[in-house]
Amino acid sequence: MQKNNGFTLIELLVVVLIIGILSAVALPQYQKAVDKARATEAFMGLKSLSDAANVYYLANGSYTGMDRESLDVQLPESSKSFRFVLGGNNIFEPNHMDINAMDKQGRYHLTAVHYNGVRTRIYCSTGTHVEICRSLGATSCTVGTQCDLPQY
């Protein structure tokens, strides 16, 4: 009798098909986990900058003149996935300033709003990627809205 030590073509095709199905299911879940981790990193950086802005206001009495060098915290470097913007349109207003963490792919941006040395609001704005805002703690979030985030 002759021994056959290999796999048949059908067996190989079945294994390749199973691997393809598993990867088609696993890859989107992996991408969601990566997006959540990047959004959390942006959120934590935004909160650090926000706290530093409050300290700056308490020391100087206004947000005017605040820049990267004047903060008591190392400003997180822009990464390949997001960047931080101090002030936005309100950096020259003495009692009001916004700090933004913006996703470079344009899926979401996070904003911390400050009045008179107090962070009054942190919110997430998104197009159709509502799940990113929800992963940061937004409870009532719909497409195209500003979703309030917890300030803890």
N, C-alpha and C. Protein backbone atom coordinates (compact mmCIF):
# COMPACT_ATOMS: atom_id res chain seq x y z
N MET A 1 0.83 -1.19 0.00
CA MET A 1 0.00 0.00 0.00
C MET A 1 0.87 1.25 0.00
N GLN A 2 0.33 2.26 -0.64
CA GLN A 2 1.06 3.51 -0.74
C GLN A 2 0.50 4.49 0.27
N LYS A 3 1.42 5.17 1.04
CA LYS A 3 1.01 6.16 2.04
C LYS A 3 0.91 7.53 1.40
N ASN A 4 -0.11 8.27 1.74
CA ASN A 4 -0.29 9.63 1.24
C ASN A 4 0.00 10.59 2.40
N ASN A 5 1.08 11.37 2.31
CA ASN A 5 1.51 12.23 3.41
C ASN A 5 1.08 13.69 3.25
N GLY A 6 0.30 14.06 2.27
CA GLY A 6 -0.06 15.45 2.04
C GLY A 6 -1.53 15.72 2.32
N PHE A 7 -1.89 16.99 2.11
CA PHE A 7 -3.29 17.40 2.25
C PHE A 7 -3.90 17.47 0.86
N THR A 8 -5.19 17.24 0.80
CA THR A 8 -5.87 17.38 -0.48
C THR A 8 -6.16 18.85 -0.74
N LEU A 9 -6.44 19.17 -1.96
CA LEU A 9 -6.76 20.54 -2.34
C LEU A 9 -8.01 21.03 -1.61
N ILE A 10 -8.98 20.19 -1.45
CA ILE A 10 -10.22 20.55 -0.75
C ILE A 10 -9.93 20.90 0.70
N GLU A 11 -9.09 20.12 1.36
CA GLU A 11 -8.75 20.40 2.76
C GLU A 11 -8.05 21.74 2.89
N LEU A 12 -7.13 22.05 1.99
CA LEU A 12 -6.43 23.33 2.02
C LEU A 12 -7.39 24.49 1.77
N LEU A 13 -8.30 24.33 0.83
CA LEU A 13 -9.27 25.38 0.53
C LEU A 13 -10.20 25.63 1.72
N VAL A 14 -10.59 24.59 2.41
CA VAL A 14 -11.45 24.75 3.59
C VAL A 14 -10.72 25.52 4.68
N VAL A 15 -9.44 25.20 4.91
CA VAL A 15 -8.66 25.91 5.93
C VAL A 15 -8.49 27.38 5.55
N VAL A 16 -8.18 27.67 4.30
CA VAL A 16 -8.03 29.06 3.86
C VAL A 16 -9.35 29.80 3.99
N LEU A 17 -10.45 29.16 3.68
CA LEU A 17 -11.78 29.78 3.81
C LEU A 17 -12.08 30.11 5.27
N ILE A 18 -11.79 29.20 6.18
CA ILE A 18 -12.04 29.43 7.61
C ILE A 18 -11.18 30.58 8.11
N ILE A 19 -9.92 30.63 7.74
CA ILE A 19 -9.04 31.73 8.15
C ILE A 19 -9.54 33.06 7.59
N GLY A 20 -10.01 33.07 6.37
CA GLY A 20 -10.56 34.29 5.78
C GLY A 20 -11.78 34.79 6.51
N ILE A 21 -12.66 33.89 6.87
CA ILE A 21 -13.88 34.28 7.60
C ILE A 21 -13.52 34.84 8.98
N LEU A 22 -12.61 34.16 9.68
CA LEU A 22 -12.19 34.64 11.00
C LEU A 22 -11.53 36.01 10.93
N SER A 23 -10.70 36.22 9.94
CA SER A 23 -10.04 37.54 9.83
C SER A 23 -11.02 38.62 9.43
N ALA A 24 -12.02 38.29 8.63
CA ALA A 24 -13.03 39.28 8.26
C ALA A 24 -13.85 39.72 9.46
N VAL A 25 -14.02 38.85 10.43
CA VAL A 25 -14.75 39.18 11.64
C VAL A 25 -13.84 39.92 12.63
N ALA A 26 -12.60 39.49 12.75
CA ALA A 26 -11.70 40.03 13.78
C ALA A 26 -11.14 41.40 13.42
N LEU A 27 -10.87 41.67 12.16
CA LEU A 27 -10.22 42.94 11.77
C LEU A 27 -11.04 44.17 12.12
N PRO A 28 -12.33 44.23 11.85
CA PRO A 28 -13.10 45.41 12.26
C PRO A 28 -13.13 45.62 13.78
N GLN A 29 -13.19 44.53 14.53
CA GLN A 29 -13.17 44.65 15.98
C GLN A 29 -11.83 45.18 16.47
N TYR A 30 -10.76 44.76 15.83
CA TYR A 30 -9.43 45.26 16.18
C TYR A 30 -9.34 46.75 15.87
N GLN A 31 -9.86 47.18 14.72
CA GLN A 31 -9.81 48.60 14.35
C GLN A 31 -10.61 49.45 15.33
N LYS A 32 -11.75 48.94 15.80
CA LYS A 32 -12.53 49.67 16.79
C LYS A 32 -11.76 49.83 18.09
N ALA A 33 -11.06 48.78 18.50
CA ALA A 33 -10.27 48.85 19.74
C ALA A 33 -9.13 49.86 19.60
N VAL A 34 -8.50 49.91 18.44
CA VAL A 34 -7.43 50.89 18.20
C VAL A 34 -7.99 52.30 18.22
N ASP A 35 -9.13 52.52 17.58
CA ASP A 35 -9.76 53.85 17.57
C ASP A 35 -10.13 54.30 18.99
N LYS A 36 -10.65 53.38 19.79
CA LYS A 36 -11.01 53.72 21.16
C LYS A 36 -9.77 54.09 21.97
N ALA A 37 -8.68 53.37 21.78
CA ALA A 37 -7.45 53.66 22.50
C ALA A 37 -6.89 55.03 22.11
N ARG A 38 -6.94 55.36 20.84
CA ARG A 38 -6.45 56.68 20.38
C ARG A 38 -7.34 57.81 20.90
N ALA A 39 -8.65 57.59 20.89
CA ALA A 39 -9.56 58.61 21.40
C ALA A 39 -9.35 58.82 22.89
N THR A 40 -9.10 57.75 23.63
CA THR A 40 -8.84 57.86 25.07
C THR A 40 -7.55 58.63 25.31
N GLU A 41 -6.53 58.36 24.51
CA GLU A 41 -5.27 59.10 24.63
C GLU A 41 -5.49 60.60 24.37
N ALA A 42 -6.27 60.92 23.35
CA ALA A 42 -6.57 62.32 23.06
C ALA A 42 -7.36 62.95 24.20
N PHE A 43 -8.31 62.22 24.76
CA PHE A 43 -9.13 62.72 25.86
C PHE A 43 -8.27 63.02 27.09
N MET A 44 -7.37 62.12 27.43
CA MET A 44 -6.52 62.32 28.60
C MET A 44 -5.55 63.49 28.37
N GLY A 45 -5.02 63.62 27.17
CA GLY A 45 -4.17 64.77 26.85
C GLY A 45 -4.94 66.07 26.93
N LEU A 46 -6.18 66.06 26.45
CA LEU A 46 -7.03 67.25 26.51
C LEU A 46 -7.29 67.65 27.95
N LYS A 47 -7.55 66.68 28.81
CA LYS A 47 -7.80 66.99 30.21
C LYS A 47 -6.55 67.56 30.89
N SER A 48 -5.37 67.05 30.55
CA SER A 48 -4.13 67.59 31.11
C SER A 48 -3.92 69.03 30.68
N LEU A 49 -4.15 69.30 29.41
CA LEU A 49 -4.02 70.67 28.91
C LEU A 49 -5.06 71.59 29.55
N SER A 50 -6.25 71.07 29.74
CA SER A 50 -7.31 71.85 30.35
C SER A 50 -6.95 72.24 31.79
N ASP A 51 -6.43 71.28 32.54
CA ASP A 51 -6.01 71.58 33.90
C ASP A 51 -4.88 72.61 33.92
N ALA A 52 -3.94 72.49 32.98
CA ALA A 52 -2.84 73.45 32.89
C ALA A 52 -3.37 74.85 32.52
N ALA A 53 -4.39 74.91 31.67
CA ALA A 53 -4.99 76.20 31.31
C ALA A 53 -5.65 76.85 32.51
N ASN A 54 -6.29 76.04 33.36
CA ASN A 54 -6.90 76.59 34.57
C ASN A 54 -5.84 77.14 35.52
N VAL A 55 -4.72 76.44 35.66
CA VAL A 55 -3.63 76.92 36.51
C VAL A 55 -3.07 78.22 35.93
N TYR A 56 -2.93 78.29 34.61
CA TYR A 56 -2.43 79.50 33.97
C TYR A 56 -3.37 80.68 34.26
N TYR A 57 -4.67 80.43 34.16
CA TYR A 57 -5.64 81.51 34.41
C TYR A 57 -5.56 81.99 35.85
N LEU A 58 -5.45 81.06 36.79
CA LEU A 58 -5.34 81.44 38.20
C LEU A 58 -4.09 82.26 38.47
N ALA A 59 -3.01 81.95 37.78
CA ALA A 59 -1.75 82.67 37.99
C ALA A 59 -1.74 84.03 37.30
N ASN A 60 -2.43 84.16 36.15
CA ASN A 60 -2.33 85.37 35.34
C ASN A 60 -3.62 86.19 35.25
N GLY A 61 -4.73 85.65 35.67
CA GLY A 61 -5.98 86.39 35.63
C GLY A 61 -6.66 86.43 34.28
N SER A 62 -6.07 85.81 33.26
CA SER A 62 -6.71 85.74 31.94
C SER A 62 -6.01 84.68 31.12
N TYR A 63 -6.64 84.33 29.99
CA TYR A 63 -6.02 83.36 29.08
C TYR A 63 -5.16 84.05 28.04
N THR A 64 -5.20 85.37 27.99
CA THR A 64 -4.44 86.11 26.99
C THR A 64 -2.95 85.83 27.17
N GLY A 65 -2.29 85.51 26.08
CA GLY A 65 -0.85 85.25 26.11
C GLY A 65 -0.49 83.81 26.41
N MET A 66 -1.46 82.97 26.65
CA MET A 66 -1.15 81.57 26.92
C MET A 66 -0.69 80.89 25.65
N ASP A 67 0.44 80.20 25.74
CA ASP A 67 0.94 79.43 24.61
C ASP A 67 1.61 78.17 25.14
N ARG A 68 2.22 77.42 24.27
CA ARG A 68 2.82 76.13 24.65
C ARG A 68 3.87 76.29 25.74
N GLU A 69 4.68 77.33 25.64
CA GLU A 69 5.77 77.50 26.59
C GLU A 69 5.30 77.95 27.96
N SER A 70 4.13 78.56 28.05
CA SER A 70 3.66 79.10 29.32
C SER A 70 2.90 78.10 30.17
N LEU A 71 2.66 76.92 29.67
CA LEU A 71 1.91 75.92 30.43
C LEU A 71 2.81 75.17 31.39
N ASP A 72 2.22 74.71 32.49
CA ASP A 72 2.96 73.94 33.49
C ASP A 72 2.98 72.45 33.19
N VAL A 73 2.63 72.08 31.99
CA VAL A 73 2.58 70.68 31.60
C VAL A 73 3.20 70.57 30.21
N GLN A 74 3.83 69.46 29.96
CA GLN A 74 4.39 69.22 28.63
C GLN A 74 3.23 68.98 27.67
N LEU A 75 3.13 69.82 26.67
CA LEU A 75 2.06 69.68 25.68
C LEU A 75 2.30 68.41 24.88
N PRO A 76 1.32 67.51 24.84
CA PRO A 76 1.52 66.28 24.07
C PRO A 76 1.81 66.62 22.61
N GLU A 77 2.78 65.94 22.07
CA GLU A 77 3.11 66.15 20.66
C GLU A 77 1.97 65.60 19.80
N SER A 78 1.78 66.24 18.67
CA SER A 78 0.78 65.72 17.75
C SER A 78 1.24 64.36 17.25
N SER A 79 0.35 63.44 17.25
CA SER A 79 0.69 62.09 16.80
C SER A 79 0.18 61.92 15.37
N LYS A 80 0.31 60.72 14.87
CA LYS A 80 -0.19 60.47 13.53
C LYS A 80 -1.72 60.41 13.50
N SER A 81 -2.36 60.31 14.67
CA SER A 81 -3.81 60.17 14.68
C SER A 81 -4.57 61.40 15.15
N PHE A 82 -3.95 62.29 15.95
CA PHE A 82 -4.65 63.49 16.40
C PHE A 82 -3.66 64.61 16.68
N ARG A 83 -4.20 65.83 16.83
CA ARG A 83 -3.37 66.99 17.18
C ARG A 83 -4.15 67.88 18.13
N PHE A 84 -3.40 68.65 18.91
CA PHE A 84 -4.00 69.56 19.89
C PHE A 84 -3.89 70.99 19.38
N VAL A 85 -4.96 71.76 19.60
CA VAL A 85 -4.98 73.17 19.23
C VAL A 85 -5.41 73.97 20.46
N LEU A 86 -4.55 74.88 20.88
CA LEU A 86 -4.88 75.74 22.01
C LEU A 86 -5.70 76.91 21.52
N GLY A 87 -6.82 77.14 22.14
CA GLY A 87 -7.58 78.36 21.90
C GLY A 87 -8.59 78.32 20.80
N GLY A 88 -8.28 77.73 19.68
CA GLY A 88 -9.22 77.80 18.57
C GLY A 88 -9.48 79.26 18.23
N ASN A 89 -10.74 79.65 18.17
CA ASN A 89 -11.10 81.03 17.87
C ASN A 89 -11.11 81.92 19.10
N ASN A 90 -10.93 81.36 20.29
CA ASN A 90 -11.13 82.13 21.51
C ASN A 90 -9.86 82.35 22.32
N ILE A 91 -8.69 82.17 21.73
CA ILE A 91 -7.47 82.29 22.53
C ILE A 91 -7.21 83.72 22.97
N PHE A 92 -7.73 84.70 22.28
CA PHE A 92 -7.46 86.09 22.64
C PHE A 92 -8.51 86.70 23.55
N GLU A 93 -9.53 85.95 23.88
CA GLU A 93 -10.52 86.45 24.82
C GLU A 93 -10.00 86.20 26.23
N PRO A 94 -9.98 87.22 27.09
CA PRO A 94 -9.36 87.06 28.40
C PRO A 94 -10.02 86.03 29.29
N ASN A 95 -11.34 85.86 29.21
CA ASN A 95 -12.04 84.99 30.15
C ASN A 95 -12.63 83.73 29.53
N HIS A 96 -12.39 83.49 28.25
CA HIS A 96 -12.96 82.33 27.58
C HIS A 96 -11.92 81.73 26.64
N MET A 97 -11.78 80.41 26.71
CA MET A 97 -10.86 79.74 25.80
C MET A 97 -11.29 78.29 25.60
N ASP A 98 -11.06 77.79 24.39
CA ASP A 98 -11.32 76.39 24.07
C ASP A 98 -9.99 75.70 23.78
N ILE A 99 -9.92 74.42 24.10
CA ILE A 99 -8.79 73.58 23.72
C ILE A 99 -9.37 72.41 22.95
N ASN A 100 -8.79 72.12 21.79
CA ASN A 100 -9.30 71.06 20.93
C ASN A 100 -8.29 69.95 20.75
N ALA A 101 -8.78 68.73 20.71
CA ALA A 101 -8.02 67.56 20.27
C ALA A 101 -8.74 67.05 19.04
N MET A 102 -8.07 67.12 17.89
CA MET A 102 -8.75 66.82 16.64
C MET A 102 -8.16 65.59 15.98
N ASP A 103 -9.04 64.69 15.58
CA ASP A 103 -8.64 63.50 14.86
C ASP A 103 -8.22 63.91 13.45
N LYS A 104 -7.04 63.49 13.03
CA LYS A 104 -6.52 63.91 11.73
C LYS A 104 -7.30 63.31 10.57
N GLN A 105 -8.06 62.26 10.82
CA GLN A 105 -8.88 61.68 9.76
C GLN A 105 -10.26 62.34 9.68
N GLY A 106 -10.53 63.27 10.57
CA GLY A 106 -11.77 64.02 10.53
C GLY A 106 -12.98 63.28 11.07
N ARG A 107 -12.79 62.23 11.85
CA ARG A 107 -13.93 61.48 12.35
C ARG A 107 -14.53 62.09 13.59
N TYR A 108 -13.74 62.77 14.41
CA TYR A 108 -14.24 63.38 15.64
C TYR A 108 -13.27 64.46 16.09
N HIS A 109 -13.76 65.34 16.96
CA HIS A 109 -12.85 66.21 17.71
C HIS A 109 -13.44 66.46 19.09
N LEU A 110 -12.52 66.62 20.04
CA LEU A 110 -12.88 66.82 21.43
C LEU A 110 -12.57 68.26 21.79
N THR A 111 -13.42 68.87 22.60
CA THR A 111 -13.23 70.27 22.98
C THR A 111 -13.48 70.44 24.47
N ALA A 112 -12.56 71.16 25.11
CA ALA A 112 -12.74 71.56 26.51
C ALA A 112 -13.00 73.06 26.51
N VAL A 113 -14.09 73.49 27.12
CA VAL A 113 -14.49 74.90 27.14
C VAL A 113 -14.20 75.46 28.53
N HIS A 114 -13.55 76.64 28.56
CA HIS A 114 -13.16 77.28 29.82
C HIS A 114 -13.75 78.69 29.92
N TYR A 115 -14.27 79.01 31.09
CA TYR A 115 -14.71 80.37 31.42
C TYR A 115 -14.15 80.72 32.79
N ASN A 116 -13.47 81.85 32.86
CA ASN A 116 -12.97 82.38 34.14
C ASN A 116 -12.19 81.35 34.96
N GLY A 117 -11.33 80.61 34.32
CA GLY A 117 -10.47 79.67 35.03
C GLY A 117 -11.12 78.37 35.42
N VAL A 118 -12.29 78.08 34.89
CA VAL A 118 -12.99 76.84 35.22
C VAL A 118 -13.36 76.13 33.92
N ARG A 119 -13.09 74.84 33.88
CA ARG A 119 -13.53 74.04 32.73
C ARG A 119 -15.02 73.81 32.91
N THR A 120 -15.81 74.33 32.00
CA THR A 120 -17.25 74.24 32.14
C THR A 120 -17.86 73.07 31.36
N ARG A 121 -17.14 72.61 30.35
CA ARG A 121 -17.72 71.57 29.50
C ARG A 121 -16.62 70.87 28.71
N ILE A 122 -16.76 69.57 28.56
CA ILE A 122 -15.95 68.81 27.60
C ILE A 122 -16.95 68.08 26.71
N TYR A 123 -16.77 68.25 25.40
CA TYR A 123 -17.70 67.58 24.50
C TYR A 123 -16.97 66.97 23.31
N CYS A 124 -17.65 66.04 22.70
CA CYS A 124 -17.15 65.33 21.53
C CYS A 124 -18.06 65.66 20.36
N SER A 125 -17.48 66.09 19.25
CA SER A 125 -18.25 66.33 18.02
C SER A 125 -17.84 65.28 17.01
N THR A 126 -18.82 64.73 16.35
CA THR A 126 -18.53 63.65 15.41
C THR A 126 -19.47 63.73 14.22
N GLY A 127 -19.03 63.14 13.14
CA GLY A 127 -19.90 62.99 11.99
C GLY A 127 -20.75 61.74 12.18
N THR A 128 -20.29 60.64 11.62
CA THR A 128 -21.03 59.39 11.72
C THR A 128 -20.39 58.40 12.69
N HIS A 129 -19.28 58.74 13.30
CA HIS A 129 -18.56 57.83 14.19
C HIS A 129 -18.96 58.05 15.65
N VAL A 130 -20.21 57.89 15.94
CA VAL A 130 -20.76 58.13 17.26
C VAL A 130 -20.17 57.18 18.30
N GLU A 131 -19.79 55.97 17.87
CA GLU A 131 -19.28 54.98 18.82
C GLU A 131 -18.00 55.46 19.51
N ILE A 132 -17.23 56.33 18.88
CA ILE A 132 -16.01 56.85 19.51
C ILE A 132 -16.40 57.73 20.70
N CYS A 133 -17.37 58.61 20.52
CA CYS A 133 -17.82 59.46 21.62
C CYS A 133 -18.44 58.62 22.73
N ARG A 134 -19.20 57.62 22.37
CA ARG A 134 -19.81 56.76 23.38
C ARG A 134 -18.75 56.01 24.17
N SER A 135 -17.66 55.62 23.52
CA SER A 135 -16.60 54.89 24.23
C SER A 135 -15.90 55.77 25.26
N LEU A 136 -15.99 57.10 25.10
CA LEU A 136 -15.40 58.03 26.06
C LEU A 136 -16.35 58.40 27.19
N GLY A 137 -17.58 57.91 27.15
CA GLY A 137 -18.52 58.13 28.24
C GLY A 137 -19.71 58.99 27.90
N ALA A 138 -19.88 59.38 26.64
CA ALA A 138 -21.07 60.14 26.25
C ALA A 138 -22.28 59.23 26.33
N THR A 139 -23.31 59.69 27.01
CA THR A 139 -24.48 58.83 27.20
C THR A 139 -25.54 59.03 26.13
N SER A 140 -25.85 60.27 25.80
CA SER A 140 -26.86 60.52 24.77
C SER A 140 -26.17 61.19 23.60
N CYS A 141 -25.82 60.41 22.62
CA CYS A 141 -25.05 60.92 21.50
C CYS A 141 -25.67 60.42 20.20
N THR A 142 -25.93 61.34 19.29
CA THR A 142 -26.46 60.97 17.98
C THR A 142 -25.58 61.56 16.89
N VAL A 143 -25.78 61.12 15.69
CA VAL A 143 -24.97 61.54 14.55
C VAL A 143 -25.06 63.05 14.36
N GLY A 144 -23.90 63.70 14.22
CA GLY A 144 -23.85 65.13 13.92
C GLY A 144 -24.10 66.05 15.09
N THR A 145 -24.05 65.56 16.33
CA THR A 145 -24.32 66.41 17.48
C THR A 145 -23.06 66.57 18.33
N GLN A 146 -23.13 67.49 19.29
CA GLN A 146 -22.08 67.63 20.30
C GLN A 146 -22.50 66.82 21.51
N CYS A 147 -21.68 65.85 21.85
CA CYS A 147 -22.01 64.94 22.95
C CYS A 147 -21.19 65.33 24.18
N ASP A 148 -21.84 65.64 25.27
CA ASP A 148 -21.14 65.99 26.51
C ASP A 148 -20.43 64.76 27.08
N LEU A 149 -19.19 64.98 27.52
CA LEU A 149 -18.39 63.92 28.12
C LEU A 149 -18.25 64.19 29.61
N PRO A 150 -18.03 63.15 30.41
CA PRO A 150 -17.83 63.36 31.84
C PRO A 150 -16.53 64.13 32.10
N GLN A 151 -16.51 64.97 33.12
CA GLN A 151 -15.35 65.83 33.39
C GLN A 151 -14.46 65.29 34.50
N TYR A 152 -14.70 64.11 35.03
CA TYR A 152 -13.96 63.57 36.16
C TYR A 152 -12.48 63.77 36.08
